[in-house]
Amino acid sequence: MKMTVAYSKKIGLPDYGSLGATCGLEVELPEPDPHAAAGAFERAARAAFAACARAVQDELDRRRETGAVARSDDRRARRRRPATDPQLRALRAACDRRRLDLAGVVSERFGVDDPEALSVVEASRLIAELRTPTQAPRRNSSLVPPTRLQPGGGRP
């Protein structure tokens, strides 16, 4: 007679993550003896489940101790791709065209000191805003006022 047992455990981690482990055992049992003590099968099943539970817990503990589980901040940092060089060039060019202080815009808008600290998503949003002719960045106290040109190319 064969007995198959399985034990699985999953634990929640910050930022909607999880860590899980599963153990499965197949145990060959002797044919039941009518003269054997009652409950032998139940004891074997409990022992197999207990062995699986210990193995699963040991695996979860090992993965936590060895750093196999990324910390919340580590995962966030990995998911946050930095702005690309072409994006940074586009931001500089757009700000130059509008005579804006790029460092001031990103500082006020995103709370970072340097355009290189922007993420790909943040840089994309800002590029789109700067390319829209009638829309300036949301916070504009760092904006340098534009200089108007006269129709002949001269300044007023």
Protein backbone atom coordinates (compact mmCIF):
# COMPACT_ATOMS: atom_id res chain seq x y z
CA MET A 1 0.00 0.00 0.00
CA LYS A 2 1.24 3.50 -0.82
CA MET A 3 0.49 6.66 1.08
CA THR A 4 1.08 10.06 -0.52
CA VAL A 5 1.16 13.22 1.58
CA ALA A 6 1.87 16.82 0.65
CA TYR A 7 2.30 19.97 2.69
CA SER A 8 2.44 23.50 1.35
CA LYS A 9 2.85 26.84 3.07
CA LYS A 10 2.88 30.38 1.73
CA ILE A 11 3.70 33.50 3.70
CA GLY A 12 2.94 37.09 2.76
CA LEU A 13 5.70 39.63 2.25
CA PRO A 14 5.58 43.43 1.99
CA ASP A 15 4.47 45.02 -1.28
CA TYR A 16 2.11 42.14 -2.11
CA GLY A 17 4.93 39.61 -2.37
CA SER A 18 4.93 36.08 -1.07
CA LEU A 19 7.26 33.19 -0.38
CA GLY A 20 6.16 29.58 -0.54
CA ALA A 21 7.47 26.05 -0.22
CA THR A 22 5.94 22.63 -0.83
CA CYS A 23 6.96 19.13 0.22
CA GLY A 24 5.52 15.88 -1.05
CA LEU A 25 6.21 12.35 0.14
CA GLU A 26 5.20 8.97 -1.11
CA VAL A 27 5.58 6.26 1.51
CA GLU A 28 5.34 2.51 0.95
CA LEU A 29 3.45 0.96 3.85
CA PRO A 30 3.22 -2.73 4.70
CA GLU A 31 -0.12 -4.35 4.09
CA PRO A 32 -2.31 -3.85 7.12
CA ASP A 33 -2.10 -6.68 9.61
CA PRO A 34 -5.43 -7.44 11.20
CA HIS A 35 -3.61 -8.21 14.44
CA ALA A 36 -1.58 -4.92 14.43
CA ALA A 37 -2.37 -2.17 16.82
CA ALA A 38 -5.21 0.07 15.76
CA GLY A 39 -4.13 3.48 14.52
CA ALA A 40 -0.86 2.45 12.86
CA PHE A 41 -1.92 4.06 9.57
CA GLU A 42 -2.90 7.31 11.30
CA ARG A 43 0.45 7.45 13.14
CA ALA A 44 2.35 6.92 9.86
CA ALA A 45 0.29 9.64 8.16
CA ARG A 46 0.88 12.11 11.02
CA ALA A 47 4.61 11.37 10.99
CA ALA A 48 4.79 11.94 7.22
CA PHE A 49 2.88 15.23 7.47
CA ALA A 50 5.05 16.37 10.37
CA ALA A 51 8.21 15.59 8.36
CA CYS A 52 6.87 17.62 5.43
CA ALA A 53 5.88 20.51 7.68
CA ARG A 54 9.39 20.63 9.21
CA ALA A 55 11.00 20.51 5.74
CA VAL A 56 8.78 23.33 4.46
CA GLN A 57 9.44 25.51 7.51
CA ASP A 58 13.18 24.84 7.29
CA GLU A 59 13.16 25.88 3.61
CA LEU A 60 11.25 29.10 4.33
CA ASP A 61 13.63 29.94 7.18
CA ARG A 62 16.69 29.17 5.04
CA ARG A 63 15.47 31.41 2.22
CA ARG A 64 14.84 34.28 4.66
CA GLU A 65 18.25 33.88 6.35
CA THR A 66 20.26 33.69 3.12
CA GLY A 67 18.68 36.82 1.73
CA ALA A 68 16.81 34.92 -0.98
CA VAL A 69 13.83 37.10 -0.08
CA ALA A 70 14.43 40.65 -1.25
CA ARG A 71 13.64 43.37 1.23
CA SER A 72 10.78 45.68 0.38
CA ASP A 73 13.12 48.56 -0.53
CA ASP A 74 15.32 46.27 -2.66
CA ARG A 75 12.37 45.11 -4.74
CA ARG A 76 11.16 48.66 -5.21
CA ALA A 77 14.62 49.75 -6.32
CA ARG A 78 14.85 46.89 -8.82
CA ARG A 79 11.45 47.71 -10.32
CA ARG A 80 12.36 51.40 -10.66
CA ARG A 81 14.38 51.64 -13.87
CA PRO A 82 16.39 54.84 -14.14
CA ALA A 83 15.75 57.33 -16.92
CA THR A 84 17.67 56.49 -20.10
CA ASP A 85 20.33 58.69 -21.68
CA PRO A 86 18.06 59.53 -24.64
CA GLN A 87 15.33 60.60 -22.21
CA LEU A 88 17.75 62.82 -20.31
CA ARG A 89 18.93 64.40 -23.58
CA ALA A 90 15.31 65.00 -24.61
CA LEU A 91 14.55 66.61 -21.24
CA ARG A 92 17.57 68.91 -21.49
CA ALA A 93 16.66 69.92 -25.05
CA ALA A 94 13.00 70.55 -24.16
CA CYS A 95 13.97 72.63 -21.13
CA ASP A 96 16.52 74.57 -23.18
CA ARG A 97 13.84 75.35 -25.78
CA ARG A 98 11.49 76.59 -23.06
CA ARG A 99 14.30 78.25 -21.11
CA LEU A 100 13.53 76.20 -18.04
CA ASP A 101 15.85 75.14 -15.25
CA LEU A 102 15.69 71.32 -15.56
CA ALA A 103 17.19 70.70 -12.12
CA GLY A 104 14.64 73.05 -10.56
CA VAL A 105 11.74 71.45 -12.43
CA VAL A 106 12.65 67.88 -11.38
CA SER A 107 13.38 68.99 -7.83
CA GLU A 108 9.98 70.61 -7.38
CA ARG A 109 8.02 68.10 -9.41
CA PHE A 110 9.59 64.82 -8.26
CA GLY A 111 11.58 65.76 -5.15
CA VAL A 112 14.94 64.70 -6.58
CA ASP A 113 18.09 66.79 -6.82
CA ASP A 114 19.24 65.62 -10.21
CA PRO A 115 17.50 64.66 -13.48
CA GLU A 116 19.52 61.40 -13.49
CA ALA A 117 17.54 60.34 -10.40
CA LEU A 118 14.29 60.20 -12.40
CA SER A 119 12.75 56.89 -13.33
CA VAL A 120 11.89 55.94 -16.91
CA VAL A 121 8.21 56.57 -16.18
CA GLU A 122 8.81 59.96 -14.57
CA ALA A 123 11.08 61.08 -17.40
CA SER A 124 8.51 59.97 -19.99
CA ARG A 125 5.74 61.93 -18.29
CA LEU A 126 7.84 65.07 -18.07
CA ILE A 127 8.95 64.80 -21.71
CA ALA A 128 5.32 64.51 -22.79
CA GLU A 129 4.37 67.57 -20.76
CA LEU A 130 7.26 69.61 -22.08
CA ARG A 131 6.39 68.69 -25.67
CA THR A 132 2.81 69.88 -25.25
CA PRO A 133 2.93 73.50 -26.48
CA THR A 134 0.32 74.93 -24.11
CA GLN A 135 1.26 73.01 -21.00
CA ALA A 136 4.16 73.71 -18.70
CA PRO A 137 5.26 71.36 -15.94
CA ARG A 138 2.72 71.21 -13.09
CA ARG A 139 4.78 73.17 -10.61
CA ASN A 140 6.32 76.14 -12.27
CA SER A 141 7.92 78.28 -9.57
CA SER A 142 11.36 77.24 -10.84
CA LEU A 143 10.55 78.23 -14.38
CA VAL A 144 12.56 80.97 -16.00
CA PRO A 145 10.16 83.37 -17.68
CA PRO A 146 10.27 82.98 -21.46
CA THR A 147 11.70 85.78 -23.52
CA ARG A 148 9.37 86.99 -26.23
CA LEU A 149 10.80 87.67 -29.66
CA GLN A 150 9.61 90.38 -32.00
CA PRO A 151 8.40 89.30 -35.46
CA GLY A 152 11.78 90.20 -36.97
CA GLY A 153 13.66 87.98 -34.56
CA GLY A 154 14.61 90.80 -32.17
CA ARG A 155 13.79 91.11 -28.53
CA PRO A 156 11.14 93.61 -27.35
